[in-house]
Every structure is written in C-alpha cells, then in structure tokens.
C-alpha cells in the first residue's frame, strides 16, 4: 500500500483516516479541501485543481483524501488502494456537527475544513442515495487492479487501521 485514495461522505472520517494512514505508511498526506480552497473559501479553477492532483499522484507514495467526483478518475487511475468511508447518513451528519463543535469553523491546517451551511447538510444527507452510486461506478470503471476497502463505521475503521499498522511493523 503506497498510493491511497480515500473517498466518502463529508463527516465520514476521511481526514482522520488519511492522517493515521500517512503516519502508519510514512507517506505524505494531502487533504483535497486544502488544495481546492484558499483561506477565504475561494475555489481553485477546476483545470488547475486537476493539474495539482496529477502532480500529487505522480509521486511514489501518497495518501489523498477527498471526494471531488469530477476529478476522482485522476486518483483512481494512479492509486493501489481505495478506501471508501461508507458510513451511515446519521453517522456522517453526526460527524460534520461534532467536528464543528470540536474544531470550530474555518481551515485548521490538519485536513479539517469546516463550513456548515444548508448545501453541506443537504449533500451529506443525500450522499448515500445520490453520490455514493456515482463514486462506486467510478471505482468500478477506473479503479481496476486496486484494492478497495469499505469501512462502514468507526469501530471497523479503528480495527482496519490497527491491522494496517501491524502489517507495516
């Protein structure tokens, strides 16, 4: 496991898993929200964002977390492992609100990018029905030859991270 793409709903634990995997694998971690948004929440133009990802995936080792379905193909074609944080809608909603309480709003430099508004809540609430099938289709289409890890809850995630750590020892 040298090149890992982590995808899933907001609030599912992508950034936490990315930080832990980066530590375990001794690989650089990129949180796509940090690459896409500046401090005032201005978005990078999509063509430049795609170019940034192409540079990132050209590296020999990496862990990248974030959805960005429009550019997911770039990561899927380059990774050896896809981790899909496949938590329930209730768990994801809990995740975004508890993160806001723990960290507050804004950019925190550790992959935490908090900005809760109606659009974010709606996205999280409808992710499993609307976005998850699209993500799964892209994994099927562009992720051939990759290991796919589905993590459905926090307990399963902790067990999987311990297993990966033990394998790296």
N, C-alpha and C. Protein backbone atom coordinates (compact mmCIF):
# COMPACT_ATOMS: atom_id res chain seq x y z
N UNK A 1 0.86 -1.16 0.00
CA UNK A 1 0.00 0.00 0.00
C UNK A 1 0.91 1.23 0.00
N UNK A 2 0.96 1.90 -1.15
CA UNK A 2 1.82 3.08 -1.28
C UNK A 2 1.08 4.32 -1.76
N UNK A 3 -0.02 4.09 -2.49
CA UNK A 3 -0.79 5.20 -3.05
C UNK A 3 -2.25 4.97 -2.72
N UNK A 4 -2.77 5.78 -1.79
CA UNK A 4 -4.11 5.53 -1.24
C UNK A 4 -5.02 6.73 -1.49
N UNK A 5 -6.16 6.45 -2.12
CA UNK A 5 -7.21 7.46 -2.31
C UNK A 5 -8.33 7.16 -1.32
N UNK A 6 -8.68 8.16 -0.52
CA UNK A 6 -9.74 7.99 0.48
C UNK A 6 -10.93 8.85 0.05
N UNK A 7 -12.08 8.21 -0.11
CA UNK A 7 -13.29 8.90 -0.54
C UNK A 7 -14.42 8.57 0.42
N UNK A 8 -15.46 9.37 0.38
CA UNK A 8 -16.62 9.14 1.22
C UNK A 8 -17.31 10.44 1.54
N UNK A 9 -18.41 10.33 2.20
CA UNK A 9 -19.24 11.47 2.55
C UNK A 9 -18.51 12.41 3.51
N UNK A 10 -18.87 13.68 3.46
CA UNK A 10 -18.40 14.60 4.48
C UNK A 10 -18.79 14.09 5.84
N UNK A 11 -17.92 14.21 6.82
CA UNK A 11 -18.22 13.76 8.17
C UNK A 11 -17.99 12.27 8.40
N UNK A 12 -17.50 11.57 7.38
CA UNK A 12 -17.33 10.11 7.49
C UNK A 12 -16.01 9.71 8.14
N UNK A 13 -15.07 10.63 8.25
CA UNK A 13 -13.79 10.32 8.87
C UNK A 13 -12.63 10.23 7.90
N UNK A 14 -12.81 10.74 6.68
CA UNK A 14 -11.75 10.67 5.66
C UNK A 14 -10.45 11.30 6.14
N UNK A 15 -10.52 12.48 6.68
CA UNK A 15 -9.30 13.20 7.07
C UNK A 15 -8.58 12.50 8.22
N UNK A 16 -9.34 11.98 9.16
CA UNK A 16 -8.74 11.23 10.28
C UNK A 16 -8.01 10.00 9.74
N UNK A 17 -8.68 9.25 8.87
CA UNK A 17 -8.06 8.05 8.30
C UNK A 17 -6.82 8.43 7.49
N UNK A 18 -6.90 9.52 6.75
CA UNK A 18 -5.74 9.97 5.96
C UNK A 18 -4.55 10.28 6.86
N UNK A 19 -4.79 11.02 7.93
CA UNK A 19 -3.69 11.36 8.85
C UNK A 19 -3.08 10.10 9.45
N UNK A 20 -3.94 9.18 9.90
CA UNK A 20 -3.43 7.94 10.51
C UNK A 20 -2.68 7.09 9.49
N UNK A 21 -3.23 6.93 8.29
CA UNK A 21 -2.54 6.14 7.27
C UNK A 21 -1.22 6.77 6.87
N UNK A 22 -1.21 8.08 6.74
CA UNK A 22 0.03 8.77 6.41
C UNK A 22 1.12 8.49 7.44
N UNK A 23 0.72 8.51 8.71
CA UNK A 23 1.66 8.22 9.80
C UNK A 23 2.12 6.77 9.72
N UNK A 24 1.18 5.84 9.56
CA UNK A 24 1.50 4.41 9.53
C UNK A 24 2.38 4.07 8.33
N UNK A 25 2.04 4.62 7.17
CA UNK A 25 2.74 4.29 5.93
C UNK A 25 3.94 5.19 5.66
N UNK A 26 4.14 6.19 6.51
CA UNK A 26 5.18 7.19 6.30
C UNK A 26 5.07 7.79 4.90
N UNK A 27 3.85 8.23 4.59
CA UNK A 27 3.55 8.80 3.28
C UNK A 27 2.98 10.20 3.45
N UNK A 28 3.26 11.10 2.50
CA UNK A 28 2.68 12.44 2.59
C UNK A 28 1.16 12.38 2.43
N UNK A 29 0.48 13.23 3.18
CA UNK A 29 -0.98 13.29 3.17
C UNK A 29 -1.43 14.60 2.55
N UNK A 30 -2.38 14.50 1.64
CA UNK A 30 -2.99 15.69 1.05
C UNK A 30 -4.49 15.63 1.30
N UNK A 31 -5.02 16.69 1.85
CA UNK A 31 -6.46 16.85 2.02
C UNK A 31 -6.91 17.74 0.86
N UNK A 32 -7.72 17.21 -0.02
CA UNK A 32 -8.09 17.95 -1.23
C UNK A 32 -8.79 19.26 -0.94
N UNK A 33 -9.52 19.34 0.16
CA UNK A 33 -10.13 20.63 0.50
C UNK A 33 -9.07 21.71 0.64
N UNK A 34 -7.91 21.35 1.21
CA UNK A 34 -6.83 22.32 1.39
C UNK A 34 -6.22 22.74 0.05
N UNK A 35 -6.26 21.84 -0.93
CA UNK A 35 -5.74 22.17 -2.26
C UNK A 35 -6.76 22.95 -3.08
N UNK A 36 -8.03 22.73 -2.81
CA UNK A 36 -9.10 23.33 -3.62
C UNK A 36 -9.51 24.72 -3.15
N UNK A 37 -9.51 24.94 -1.83
CA UNK A 37 -9.97 26.21 -1.27
C UNK A 37 -8.83 27.02 -0.68
N UNK A 38 -8.92 28.34 -0.82
CA UNK A 38 -7.98 29.19 -0.10
C UNK A 38 -8.61 29.59 1.24
N UNK A 39 -7.94 30.47 1.98
CA UNK A 39 -8.42 30.83 3.32
C UNK A 39 -9.78 31.54 3.32
N UNK A 40 -10.16 32.12 2.19
CA UNK A 40 -11.47 32.79 2.10
C UNK A 40 -12.50 31.92 1.40
N UNK A 41 -12.23 30.62 1.28
CA UNK A 41 -13.13 29.66 0.64
C UNK A 41 -13.31 29.90 -0.85
N UNK A 42 -12.31 30.51 -1.48
CA UNK A 42 -12.34 30.65 -2.93
C UNK A 42 -11.82 29.36 -3.54
N UNK A 43 -12.53 28.87 -4.55
CA UNK A 43 -12.17 27.60 -5.18
C UNK A 43 -11.11 27.81 -6.26
N UNK A 44 -10.21 26.85 -6.36
CA UNK A 44 -9.23 26.81 -7.44
C UNK A 44 -9.97 26.47 -8.73
N UNK A 45 -9.61 27.08 -9.85
CA UNK A 45 -10.24 26.67 -11.11
C UNK A 45 -10.04 25.17 -11.34
N UNK A 46 -11.05 24.50 -11.87
CA UNK A 46 -11.04 23.04 -11.96
C UNK A 46 -9.87 22.51 -12.77
N UNK A 47 -9.48 23.19 -13.85
CA UNK A 47 -8.35 22.69 -14.64
C UNK A 47 -7.06 22.74 -13.83
N UNK A 48 -6.88 23.77 -13.02
CA UNK A 48 -5.68 23.86 -12.17
C UNK A 48 -5.75 22.82 -11.05
N UNK A 49 -6.95 22.60 -10.51
CA UNK A 49 -7.13 21.60 -9.47
C UNK A 49 -6.79 20.21 -10.00
N UNK A 50 -7.20 19.93 -11.22
CA UNK A 50 -6.86 18.65 -11.86
C UNK A 50 -5.35 18.52 -12.04
N UNK A 51 -4.70 19.60 -12.46
CA UNK A 51 -3.24 19.59 -12.64
C UNK A 51 -2.53 19.35 -11.30
N UNK A 52 -3.02 19.97 -10.24
CA UNK A 52 -2.44 19.76 -8.90
C UNK A 52 -2.52 18.28 -8.53
N UNK A 53 -3.66 17.67 -8.79
CA UNK A 53 -3.82 16.25 -8.46
C UNK A 53 -2.90 15.37 -9.31
N UNK A 54 -2.74 15.71 -10.57
CA UNK A 54 -1.83 14.93 -11.43
C UNK A 54 -0.40 14.98 -10.89
N UNK A 55 0.01 16.14 -10.39
CA UNK A 55 1.34 16.25 -9.79
C UNK A 55 1.42 15.41 -8.52
N UNK A 56 0.39 15.45 -7.71
CA UNK A 56 0.38 14.68 -6.46
C UNK A 56 0.47 13.19 -6.71
N UNK A 57 -0.31 12.68 -7.64
CA UNK A 57 -0.35 11.23 -7.88
C UNK A 57 0.87 10.72 -8.64
N UNK A 58 1.68 11.63 -9.15
CA UNK A 58 2.92 11.21 -9.83
C UNK A 58 4.01 10.85 -8.82
N UNK A 59 3.79 11.20 -7.55
CA UNK A 59 4.76 10.90 -6.51
C UNK A 59 4.77 9.40 -6.19
N UNK A 60 5.87 8.87 -5.64
CA UNK A 60 5.95 7.43 -5.38
C UNK A 60 5.07 6.95 -4.22
N UNK A 61 4.73 7.82 -3.29
CA UNK A 61 3.91 7.45 -2.13
C UNK A 61 3.00 8.62 -1.81
N UNK A 62 1.76 8.31 -1.46
CA UNK A 62 0.84 9.37 -1.06
C UNK A 62 -0.44 8.79 -0.46
N UNK A 63 -1.09 9.65 0.34
CA UNK A 63 -2.43 9.41 0.84
C UNK A 63 -3.20 10.69 0.54
N UNK A 64 -4.30 10.56 -0.21
CA UNK A 64 -5.09 11.73 -0.58
C UNK A 64 -6.53 11.49 -0.15
N UNK A 65 -7.08 12.45 0.61
CA UNK A 65 -8.48 12.32 1.00
C UNK A 65 -9.32 13.42 0.38
N UNK A 66 -10.50 13.04 -0.06
CA UNK A 66 -11.44 14.00 -0.62
C UNK A 66 -12.26 13.36 -1.72
N UNK A 67 -13.43 13.89 -1.93
CA UNK A 67 -14.31 13.34 -2.95
C UNK A 67 -14.01 13.93 -4.31
N UNK A 68 -14.54 15.09 -4.58
CA UNK A 68 -14.35 15.76 -5.87
C UNK A 68 -14.52 14.75 -7.00
N UNK A 69 -15.76 14.31 -7.16
CA UNK A 69 -16.09 13.27 -8.12
C UNK A 69 -15.64 13.62 -9.54
N UNK A 70 -15.65 14.91 -9.87
CA UNK A 70 -15.27 15.30 -11.23
C UNK A 70 -13.81 15.02 -11.54
N UNK A 71 -12.97 14.89 -10.50
CA UNK A 71 -11.55 14.59 -10.72
C UNK A 71 -11.14 13.27 -10.09
N UNK A 72 -12.09 12.48 -9.64
CA UNK A 72 -11.79 11.22 -8.98
C UNK A 72 -11.01 10.27 -9.88
N UNK A 73 -11.26 10.30 -11.16
CA UNK A 73 -10.57 9.44 -12.11
C UNK A 73 -9.05 9.59 -12.01
N UNK A 74 -8.57 10.80 -11.82
CA UNK A 74 -7.13 11.04 -11.72
C UNK A 74 -6.53 10.20 -10.59
N UNK A 75 -7.17 10.20 -9.44
CA UNK A 75 -6.67 9.46 -8.28
C UNK A 75 -6.87 7.95 -8.45
N UNK A 76 -8.01 7.56 -8.99
CA UNK A 76 -8.30 6.13 -9.14
C UNK A 76 -7.34 5.45 -10.11
N UNK A 77 -6.98 6.13 -11.16
CA UNK A 77 -6.07 5.53 -12.14
C UNK A 77 -4.65 5.40 -11.60
N UNK A 78 -4.32 6.14 -10.56
CA UNK A 78 -2.95 6.14 -10.04
C UNK A 78 -2.79 5.37 -8.73
N UNK A 79 -3.87 5.12 -8.00
CA UNK A 79 -3.75 4.53 -6.66
C UNK A 79 -3.64 3.01 -6.72
N UNK A 80 -3.11 2.45 -5.63
CA UNK A 80 -3.14 1.00 -5.49
C UNK A 80 -4.23 0.56 -4.50
N UNK A 81 -4.74 1.52 -3.70
CA UNK A 81 -5.78 1.23 -2.72
C UNK A 81 -6.79 2.38 -2.67
N UNK A 82 -8.06 2.02 -2.67
CA UNK A 82 -9.14 2.98 -2.46
C UNK A 82 -9.80 2.63 -1.15
N UNK A 83 -9.92 3.61 -0.28
CA UNK A 83 -10.65 3.43 0.97
C UNK A 83 -11.94 4.24 0.85
N UNK A 84 -13.07 3.53 0.89
CA UNK A 84 -14.36 4.19 0.84
C UNK A 84 -14.94 4.22 2.25
N UNK A 85 -15.04 5.42 2.79
CA UNK A 85 -15.65 5.62 4.09
C UNK A 85 -17.16 5.56 3.88
N UNK A 86 -17.72 4.40 4.14
CA UNK A 86 -19.09 4.08 3.76
C UNK A 86 -20.02 4.08 4.97
N UNK A 87 -19.96 5.16 5.75
CA UNK A 87 -20.75 5.24 6.98
C UNK A 87 -22.19 5.62 6.69
N UNK A 88 -23.06 5.40 7.66
CA UNK A 88 -24.48 5.75 7.51
C UNK A 88 -24.65 7.26 7.43
N UNK A 89 -25.79 7.67 6.93
CA UNK A 89 -26.10 9.09 6.85
C UNK A 89 -26.11 9.72 8.24
N UNK A 90 -26.69 9.04 9.20
CA UNK A 90 -26.73 9.56 10.58
C UNK A 90 -25.31 9.76 11.11
N UNK A 91 -24.43 8.78 10.88
CA UNK A 91 -23.04 8.90 11.35
C UNK A 91 -22.33 10.06 10.66
N UNK A 92 -22.57 10.26 9.37
CA UNK A 92 -21.92 11.36 8.65
C UNK A 92 -22.43 12.72 9.14
N UNK A 93 -23.74 12.83 9.35
CA UNK A 93 -24.29 14.08 9.88
C UNK A 93 -23.73 14.36 11.27
N UNK A 94 -23.67 13.32 12.09
CA UNK A 94 -23.06 13.47 13.42
C UNK A 94 -21.61 13.93 13.25
N UNK A 95 -20.91 13.36 12.28
CA UNK A 95 -19.51 13.71 12.05
C UNK A 95 -19.31 15.17 11.71
N UNK A 96 -20.15 15.74 10.83
CA UNK A 96 -19.94 17.15 10.46
C UNK A 96 -20.27 18.08 11.61
N UNK A 97 -21.31 17.75 12.39
CA UNK A 97 -21.67 18.63 13.50
C UNK A 97 -20.69 18.48 14.67
N UNK A 98 -20.27 17.27 14.96
CA UNK A 98 -19.32 17.11 16.07
C UNK A 98 -17.97 17.72 15.72
N UNK A 99 -17.57 17.65 14.45
CA UNK A 99 -16.31 18.28 14.01
C UNK A 99 -16.41 19.80 14.21
N UNK A 100 -17.57 20.36 13.88
CA UNK A 100 -17.77 21.81 14.06
C UNK A 100 -17.65 22.18 15.53
N UNK A 101 -18.22 21.37 16.40
CA UNK A 101 -18.14 21.64 17.83
C UNK A 101 -16.70 21.51 18.33
N UNK A 102 -16.00 20.46 17.90
CA UNK A 102 -14.62 20.22 18.35
C UNK A 102 -13.63 21.25 17.81
N UNK A 103 -13.78 21.61 16.54
CA UNK A 103 -12.74 22.42 15.88
C UNK A 103 -13.17 23.84 15.54
N UNK A 104 -14.46 24.12 15.53
CA UNK A 104 -14.93 25.43 15.10
C UNK A 104 -14.91 25.52 13.58
N UNK A 105 -15.23 26.69 13.08
CA UNK A 105 -15.31 26.89 11.63
C UNK A 105 -13.95 27.30 11.07
N UNK A 106 -13.79 27.08 9.79
CA UNK A 106 -12.60 27.53 9.08
C UNK A 106 -11.62 26.42 8.78
N UNK A 107 -10.43 26.83 8.36
CA UNK A 107 -9.35 25.91 8.00
C UNK A 107 -8.44 25.71 9.22
N UNK A 108 -8.12 24.48 9.50
CA UNK A 108 -7.34 24.19 10.70
C UNK A 108 -5.94 23.66 10.41
N UNK A 109 -5.59 23.46 9.14
CA UNK A 109 -4.25 23.01 8.80
C UNK A 109 -4.01 21.53 9.00
N UNK A 110 -5.01 20.80 9.44
CA UNK A 110 -4.85 19.36 9.66
C UNK A 110 -5.87 18.56 8.88
N UNK A 111 -6.36 19.16 7.80
CA UNK A 111 -7.36 18.50 6.98
C UNK A 111 -8.77 18.85 7.38
N UNK A 112 -8.93 19.61 8.45
CA UNK A 112 -10.26 20.00 8.91
C UNK A 112 -10.64 21.30 8.23
N UNK A 113 -11.66 21.22 7.40
CA UNK A 113 -12.19 22.39 6.71
C UNK A 113 -13.68 22.45 7.03
N UNK A 114 -14.04 23.26 8.00
CA UNK A 114 -15.42 23.34 8.47
C UNK A 114 -16.12 24.54 7.87
N UNK A 115 -17.22 24.24 7.24
CA UNK A 115 -18.11 25.30 6.76
C UNK A 115 -19.47 24.65 6.58
N UNK A 116 -20.23 24.67 7.63
CA UNK A 116 -21.55 24.05 7.57
C UNK A 116 -22.57 25.09 7.12
N UNK A 117 -23.26 24.76 6.05
CA UNK A 117 -24.39 25.55 5.57
C UNK A 117 -25.39 24.56 4.97
N UNK A 118 -26.54 25.06 4.53
CA UNK A 118 -27.59 24.17 4.06
C UNK A 118 -27.09 23.25 2.94
N UNK A 119 -26.26 23.76 2.03
CA UNK A 119 -25.74 22.93 0.93
C UNK A 119 -24.93 21.75 1.43
N UNK A 120 -24.12 21.96 2.45
CA UNK A 120 -23.31 20.88 3.04
C UNK A 120 -24.22 19.85 3.71
N UNK A 121 -25.18 20.33 4.47
CA UNK A 121 -26.11 19.42 5.16
C UNK A 121 -26.88 18.59 4.13
N UNK A 122 -27.37 19.23 3.08
CA UNK A 122 -28.12 18.51 2.04
C UNK A 122 -27.23 17.49 1.34
N UNK A 123 -25.99 17.87 1.04
CA UNK A 123 -25.05 16.95 0.38
C UNK A 123 -24.83 15.71 1.26
N UNK A 124 -24.57 15.93 2.54
CA UNK A 124 -24.33 14.82 3.45
C UNK A 124 -25.58 13.96 3.60
N UNK A 125 -26.74 14.61 3.72
CA UNK A 125 -27.99 13.88 3.92
C UNK A 125 -28.38 13.03 2.71
N UNK A 126 -27.96 13.43 1.52
CA UNK A 126 -28.33 12.70 0.30
C UNK A 126 -27.18 11.93 -0.32
N UNK A 127 -26.01 11.93 0.31
CA UNK A 127 -24.81 11.31 -0.27
C UNK A 127 -25.03 9.84 -0.63
N UNK A 128 -25.55 9.05 0.30
CA UNK A 128 -25.69 7.60 0.05
C UNK A 128 -26.62 7.32 -1.12
N UNK A 129 -27.63 8.14 -1.29
CA UNK A 129 -28.59 7.92 -2.37
C UNK A 129 -28.11 8.48 -3.70
N UNK A 130 -27.48 9.66 -3.67
CA UNK A 130 -27.12 10.34 -4.92
C UNK A 130 -25.66 10.15 -5.33
N UNK A 131 -24.74 10.43 -4.42
CA UNK A 131 -23.33 10.45 -4.80
C UNK A 131 -22.66 9.08 -4.70
N UNK A 132 -22.98 8.31 -3.68
CA UNK A 132 -22.33 7.01 -3.50
C UNK A 132 -22.41 6.14 -4.75
N UNK A 133 -23.58 6.03 -5.43
CA UNK A 133 -23.60 5.21 -6.65
C UNK A 133 -22.66 5.72 -7.73
N UNK A 134 -22.51 7.02 -7.83
CA UNK A 134 -21.59 7.60 -8.82
C UNK A 134 -20.14 7.29 -8.47
N UNK A 135 -19.82 7.38 -7.18
CA UNK A 135 -18.46 7.05 -6.72
C UNK A 135 -18.17 5.57 -6.98
N UNK A 136 -19.11 4.72 -6.63
CA UNK A 136 -18.93 3.29 -6.84
C UNK A 136 -18.73 2.97 -8.33
N UNK A 137 -19.49 3.63 -9.19
CA UNK A 137 -19.35 3.41 -10.64
C UNK A 137 -17.96 3.83 -11.12
N UNK A 138 -17.46 4.94 -10.59
CA UNK A 138 -16.11 5.38 -10.99
C UNK A 138 -15.04 4.43 -10.47
N UNK A 139 -15.21 3.93 -9.26
CA UNK A 139 -14.26 2.96 -8.73
C UNK A 139 -14.26 1.72 -9.63
N UNK A 140 -15.44 1.28 -10.02
CA UNK A 140 -15.57 0.12 -10.91
C UNK A 140 -14.90 0.38 -12.26
N UNK A 141 -15.12 1.57 -12.81
CA UNK A 141 -14.61 1.90 -14.14
C UNK A 141 -13.11 2.19 -14.17
N UNK A 142 -12.63 2.96 -13.20
CA UNK A 142 -11.25 3.45 -13.26
C UNK A 142 -10.32 2.84 -12.23
N UNK A 143 -10.84 2.05 -11.30
CA UNK A 143 -10.02 1.51 -10.22
C UNK A 143 -9.64 0.06 -10.41
N UNK A 144 -9.59 -0.41 -11.64
CA UNK A 144 -9.26 -1.82 -11.86
C UNK A 144 -7.85 -2.10 -11.35
N UNK A 145 -7.72 -3.22 -10.67
CA UNK A 145 -6.42 -3.60 -10.13
C UNK A 145 -6.12 -2.99 -8.78
N UNK A 146 -7.03 -2.18 -8.27
CA UNK A 146 -6.80 -1.58 -6.95
C UNK A 146 -7.50 -2.40 -5.88
N UNK A 147 -6.96 -2.35 -4.68
CA UNK A 147 -7.65 -2.93 -3.53
C UNK A 147 -8.69 -1.91 -3.08
N UNK A 148 -9.90 -2.36 -2.84
CA UNK A 148 -10.97 -1.48 -2.38
C UNK A 148 -11.34 -1.89 -0.97
N UNK A 149 -11.26 -0.94 -0.05
CA UNK A 149 -11.58 -1.18 1.35
C UNK A 149 -12.81 -0.35 1.68
N UNK A 150 -13.89 -1.01 2.10
CA UNK A 150 -15.10 -0.32 2.52
C UNK A 150 -15.15 -0.34 4.04
N UNK A 151 -15.23 0.84 4.63
CA UNK A 151 -15.28 0.97 6.08
C UNK A 151 -16.63 1.58 6.45
N UNK A 152 -17.47 0.80 7.14
CA UNK A 152 -18.86 1.18 7.37
C UNK A 152 -19.10 1.89 8.69
N UNK A 153 -18.14 1.84 9.61
CA UNK A 153 -18.35 2.52 10.89
C UNK A 153 -17.00 2.78 11.56
N UNK A 154 -17.04 3.54 12.63
CA UNK A 154 -15.81 3.96 13.30
C UNK A 154 -15.06 2.76 13.91
N UNK A 155 -15.79 1.80 14.48
CA UNK A 155 -15.15 0.63 15.07
C UNK A 155 -14.40 -0.17 14.00
N UNK A 156 -15.04 -0.41 12.88
CA UNK A 156 -14.40 -1.13 11.78
C UNK A 156 -13.18 -0.36 11.28
N UNK A 157 -13.28 0.95 11.24
CA UNK A 157 -12.16 1.79 10.81
C UNK A 157 -10.98 1.64 11.76
N UNK A 158 -11.24 1.71 13.07
CA UNK A 158 -10.14 1.55 14.05
C UNK A 158 -9.48 0.18 13.91
N UNK A 159 -10.28 -0.88 13.75
CA UNK A 159 -9.71 -2.23 13.58
C UNK A 159 -8.85 -2.31 12.33
N UNK A 160 -9.34 -1.73 11.22
CA UNK A 160 -8.59 -1.79 9.97
C UNK A 160 -7.26 -1.02 10.10
N UNK A 161 -7.30 0.14 10.72
CA UNK A 161 -6.06 0.91 10.91
C UNK A 161 -5.06 0.14 11.77
N UNK A 162 -5.54 -0.53 12.83
CA UNK A 162 -4.64 -1.35 13.66
C UNK A 162 -4.03 -2.48 12.84
N UNK A 163 -4.84 -3.10 11.99
CA UNK A 163 -4.35 -4.19 11.13
C UNK A 163 -3.28 -3.68 10.17
N UNK A 164 -3.52 -2.55 9.55
CA UNK A 164 -2.53 -1.97 8.63
C UNK A 164 -1.25 -1.65 9.38
N UNK A 165 -1.37 -1.08 10.57
CA UNK A 165 -0.19 -0.74 11.38
C UNK A 165 0.60 -2.00 11.72
N UNK A 166 -0.11 -3.07 12.09
CA UNK A 166 0.57 -4.34 12.43
C UNK A 166 1.29 -4.91 11.21
N UNK A 167 0.68 -4.79 10.05
CA UNK A 167 1.31 -5.30 8.82
C UNK A 167 2.55 -4.51 8.44
N UNK A 168 2.60 -3.25 8.83
CA UNK A 168 3.74 -2.40 8.49
C UNK A 168 4.90 -2.57 9.47
N UNK A 169 4.64 -3.21 10.61
CA UNK A 169 5.68 -3.37 11.64
C UNK A 169 6.68 -4.42 11.26
